[in-house]
Amino acid sequence: MASNLLRITVVHSSHPREVSEHLLELPTLSTVNDALLACQLFENFPSNVSIHDEKWTLGVWGRPVTHEYLLRDEDRLEIYRPLKVDPKVARRERFQKQGSRAAGLFATRRKGAKPGY
């Protein structure tokens, strides 16, 4: 392989439990935006969806990046979907629904055990 090319993996999950990977070879000094254009991921989306839409969060190996971030060889560019529910709110609602006795670390106890054991 020539040394002037970067090998990049673009990963996206359009639906829960569905992951698509695109392996790309890009010239050196390529940015995240170049990788998004090269993988043509957004061509299959409706016309009102844009690469530059603020709802998409981008990351390289789990760290947030911008469209201008310079990629390195063997980087993994990840495109994150927006959350439908805030995890803190979901946990709070679950806790209220099941009650404090059924939740937590010591929810199940042996018969006759002291509280907290």
C-alpha atoms as a PDB file:
ATOM      1  CA  MET A   1       0.000   0.000   0.000  1.00  0.00           C
ATOM      2  CA  ALA A   2       1.252   3.473  -0.813  1.00  0.00           C
ATOM      3  CA  SER A   3       2.270   5.635   2.134  1.00  0.00           C
ATOM      4  CA  ASN A   4       0.277   8.623   0.879  1.00  0.00           C
ATOM      5  CA  LEU A   5      -3.099   6.991   1.579  1.00  0.00           C
ATOM      6  CA  LEU A   6      -5.025   6.719   4.846  1.00  0.00           C
ATOM      7  CA  ARG A   7      -7.153   3.691   5.670  1.00  0.00           C
ATOM      8  CA  ILE A   8     -10.297   4.870   7.456  1.00  0.00           C
ATOM      9  CA  THR A   9     -13.339   3.011   8.735  1.00  0.00           C
ATOM     10  CA  VAL A  10     -16.620   4.933   8.852  1.00  0.00           C
ATOM     11  CA  VAL A  11     -19.182   3.362  11.188  1.00  0.00           C
ATOM     12  CA  HIS A  12     -22.854   4.290  11.437  1.00  0.00           C
ATOM     13  CA  SER A  13     -25.914   2.724  13.022  1.00  0.00           C
ATOM     14  CA  SER A  14     -29.099   3.895  11.340  1.00  0.00           C
ATOM     15  CA  HIS A  15     -31.306   1.649  13.504  1.00  0.00           C
ATOM     16  CA  PRO A  16     -30.804  -0.168  16.826  1.00  0.00           C
ATOM     17  CA  ARG A  17     -28.706  -3.331  16.438  1.00  0.00           C
ATOM     18  CA  GLU A  18     -27.784  -2.452  12.812  1.00  0.00           C
ATOM     19  CA  VAL A  19     -24.251  -1.256  12.101  1.00  0.00           C
ATOM     20  CA  SER A  20     -22.810  -0.382   8.715  1.00  0.00           C
ATOM     21  CA  GLU A  21     -19.065  -0.101   8.139  1.00  0.00           C
ATOM     22  CA  HIS A  22     -17.411   1.592   5.171  1.00  0.00           C
ATOM     23  CA  LEU A  23     -13.705   1.010   4.569  1.00  0.00           C
ATOM     24  CA  LEU A  24     -12.097   3.941   2.768  1.00  0.00           C
ATOM     25  CA  GLU A  25      -8.708   4.880   1.406  1.00  0.00           C
ATOM     26  CA  LEU A  26      -8.207   8.640   1.433  1.00  0.00           C
ATOM     27  CA  PRO A  27      -5.260  10.897   0.644  1.00  0.00           C
ATOM     28  CA  THR A  28      -3.206  12.188   3.554  1.00  0.00           C
ATOM     29  CA  LEU A  29      -4.425  15.393   5.217  1.00  0.00           C
ATOM     30  CA  SER A  30      -8.053  14.327   4.691  1.00  0.00           C
ATOM     31  CA  THR A  31     -10.660  15.653   7.093  1.00  0.00           C
ATOM     32  CA  VAL A  32     -13.771  14.112   8.611  1.00  0.00           C
ATOM     33  CA  ASN A  33     -15.828  15.980   6.011  1.00  0.00           C
ATOM     34  CA  ASP A  34     -13.780  14.386   3.200  1.00  0.00           C
ATOM     35  CA  ALA A  35     -14.444  10.928   4.654  1.00  0.00           C
ATOM     36  CA  LEU A  36     -18.182  11.597   4.934  1.00  0.00           C
ATOM     37  CA  LEU A  37     -18.333  12.697   1.309  1.00  0.00           C
ATOM     38  CA  ALA A  38     -16.232   9.716   0.147  1.00  0.00           C
ATOM     39  CA  CYS A  39     -18.336   7.062   1.895  1.00  0.00           C
ATOM     40  CA  GLN A  40     -21.539   8.459   0.292  1.00  0.00           C
ATOM     41  CA  LEU A  41     -23.488   7.433   3.381  1.00  0.00           C
ATOM     42  CA  PHE A  42     -25.913  10.331   3.195  1.00  0.00           C
ATOM     43  CA  GLU A  43     -26.862   9.699  -0.445  1.00  0.00           C
ATOM     44  CA  ASN A  44     -29.333   7.009   0.653  1.00  0.00           C
ATOM     45  CA  PHE A  45     -30.977   9.344   3.163  1.00  0.00           C
ATOM     46  CA  PRO A  46     -33.921  11.653   2.355  1.00  0.00           C
ATOM     47  CA  SER A  47     -33.057  14.931   0.641  1.00  0.00           C
ATOM     48  CA  ASN A  48     -33.750  16.962   3.805  1.00  0.00           C
ATOM     49  CA  VAL A  49     -30.929  15.162   5.703  1.00  0.00           C
ATOM     50  CA  SER A  50     -27.522  16.830   5.417  1.00  0.00           C
ATOM     51  CA  ILE A  51     -23.990  15.866   6.417  1.00  0.00           C
ATOM     52  CA  HIS A  52     -23.680  19.177   8.237  1.00  0.00           C
ATOM     53  CA  ASP A  53     -26.915  18.723  10.206  1.00  0.00           C
ATOM     54  CA  GLU A  54     -26.312  19.512  13.889  1.00  0.00           C
ATOM     55  CA  LYS A  55     -28.195  16.435  15.090  1.00  0.00           C
ATOM     56  CA  TRP A  56     -25.315  14.165  14.050  1.00  0.00           C
ATOM     57  CA  THR A  57     -22.480  13.796  16.525  1.00  0.00           C
ATOM     58  CA  LEU A  58     -19.151  12.665  15.108  1.00  0.00           C
ATOM     59  CA  GLY A  59     -16.323  10.910  16.903  1.00  0.00           C
ATOM     60  CA  VAL A  60     -13.006   9.216  16.236  1.00  0.00           C
ATOM     61  CA  TRP A  61     -12.478   6.219  18.484  1.00  0.00           C
ATOM     62  CA  GLY A  62     -15.180   7.525  20.858  1.00  0.00           C
ATOM     63  CA  ARG A  63     -13.849  11.083  21.163  1.00  0.00           C
ATOM     64  CA  PRO A  64     -15.957  13.940  19.746  1.00  0.00           C
ATOM     65  CA  VAL A  65     -14.538  15.670  16.658  1.00  0.00           C
ATOM     66  CA  THR A  66     -15.577  18.379  14.199  1.00  0.00           C
ATOM     67  CA  HIS A  67     -15.861  18.235  10.414  1.00  0.00           C
ATOM     68  CA  GLU A  68     -12.432  19.880  10.105  1.00  0.00           C
ATOM     69  CA  TYR A  69     -10.577  17.244  12.182  1.00  0.00           C
ATOM     70  CA  LEU A  70      -7.577  15.783  10.300  1.00  0.00           C
ATOM     71  CA  LEU A  71      -7.767  12.001  10.122  1.00  0.00           C
ATOM     72  CA  ARG A  72      -4.871   9.628  10.709  1.00  0.00           C
ATOM     73  CA  ASP A  73      -4.183   6.179   9.318  1.00  0.00           C
ATOM     74  CA  GLU A  74      -6.501   3.463  10.679  1.00  0.00           C
ATOM     75  CA  ASP A  75      -8.858   5.926  12.392  1.00  0.00           C
ATOM     76  CA  ARG A  76     -12.414   4.803  13.087  1.00  0.00           C
ATOM     77  CA  LEU A  77     -14.871   7.593  12.312  1.00  0.00           C
ATOM     78  CA  GLU A  78     -18.149   7.070  14.162  1.00  0.00           C
ATOM     79  CA  ILE A  79     -21.444   8.797  13.370  1.00  0.00           C
ATOM     80  CA  TYR A  80     -23.755   8.810  16.387  1.00  0.00           C
ATOM     81  CA  ARG A  81     -27.554   8.977  16.251  1.00  0.00           C
ATOM     82  CA  PRO A  82     -29.268  11.434  18.574  1.00  0.00           C
ATOM     83  CA  LEU A  83     -30.708   9.945  21.752  1.00  0.00           C
ATOM     84  CA  LYS A  84     -34.488   9.613  21.798  1.00  0.00           C
ATOM     85  CA  VAL A  85     -34.638   9.691  25.598  1.00  0.00           C
ATOM     86  CA  ASP A  86     -32.257  11.260  28.099  1.00  0.00           C
ATOM     87  CA  PRO A  87     -30.756   8.327  30.102  1.00  0.00           C
ATOM     88  CA  LYS A  88     -31.125  10.233  33.393  1.00  0.00           C
ATOM     89  CA  VAL A  89     -34.818  10.840  32.778  1.00  0.00           C
ATOM     90  CA  ALA A  90     -35.387   7.205  31.742  1.00  0.00           C
ATOM     91  CA  ARG A  91     -33.690   5.913  34.914  1.00  0.00           C
ATOM     92  CA  ARG A  92     -35.688   8.303  37.107  1.00  0.00           C
ATOM     93  CA  GLU A  93     -38.965   7.188  35.501  1.00  0.00           C
ATOM     94  CA  ARG A  94     -38.043   3.488  35.889  1.00  0.00           C
ATOM     95  CA  PHE A  95     -37.231   4.043  39.550  1.00  0.00           C
ATOM     96  CA  GLN A  96     -40.535   5.833  40.175  1.00  0.00           C
ATOM     97  CA  LYS A  97     -42.470   3.081  38.396  1.00  0.00           C
ATOM     98  CA  GLN A  98     -40.955   0.141  40.283  1.00  0.00           C
ATOM     99  CA  GLY A  99     -40.532   1.880  43.643  1.00  0.00           C
ATOM    100  CA  SER A 100     -37.559   2.096  45.962  1.00  0.00           C
ATOM    101  CA  ARG A 101     -38.013  -1.380  47.496  1.00  0.00           C
ATOM    102  CA  ALA A 102     -37.628  -3.188  44.171  1.00  0.00           C
ATOM    103  CA  ALA A 103     -34.646  -1.145  43.001  1.00  0.00           C
ATOM    104  CA  GLY A 104     -31.017  -0.921  43.927  1.00  0.00           C
ATOM    105  CA  LEU A 105     -28.166  -3.123  45.005  1.00  0.00           C
ATOM    106  CA  PHE A 106     -29.917  -4.688  48.017  1.00  0.00           C
ATOM    107  CA  ALA A 107     -33.343  -5.197  46.439  1.00  0.00           C
ATOM    108  CA  THR A 108     -33.209  -9.005  46.792  1.00  0.00           C
ATOM    109  CA  ARG A 109     -32.362 -10.375  50.232  1.00  0.00           C
ATOM    110  CA  ARG A 110     -32.281 -13.756  51.865  1.00  0.00           C
ATOM    111  CA  LYS A 111     -35.172 -14.618  54.152  1.00  0.00           C
ATOM    112  CA  GLY A 112     -34.565 -13.271  57.637  1.00  0.00           C
ATOM    113  CA  ALA A 113     -31.586 -11.150  56.613  1.00  0.00           C
ATOM    114  CA  LYS A 114     -31.067  -7.714  58.114  1.00  0.00           C
ATOM    115  CA  PRO A 115     -31.817  -4.686  55.906  1.00  0.00           C
ATOM    116  CA  GLY A 116     -28.793  -3.773  53.805  1.00  0.00           C
ATOM    117  CA  TYR A 117     -27.338  -7.319  53.734  1.00  0.00           C
END
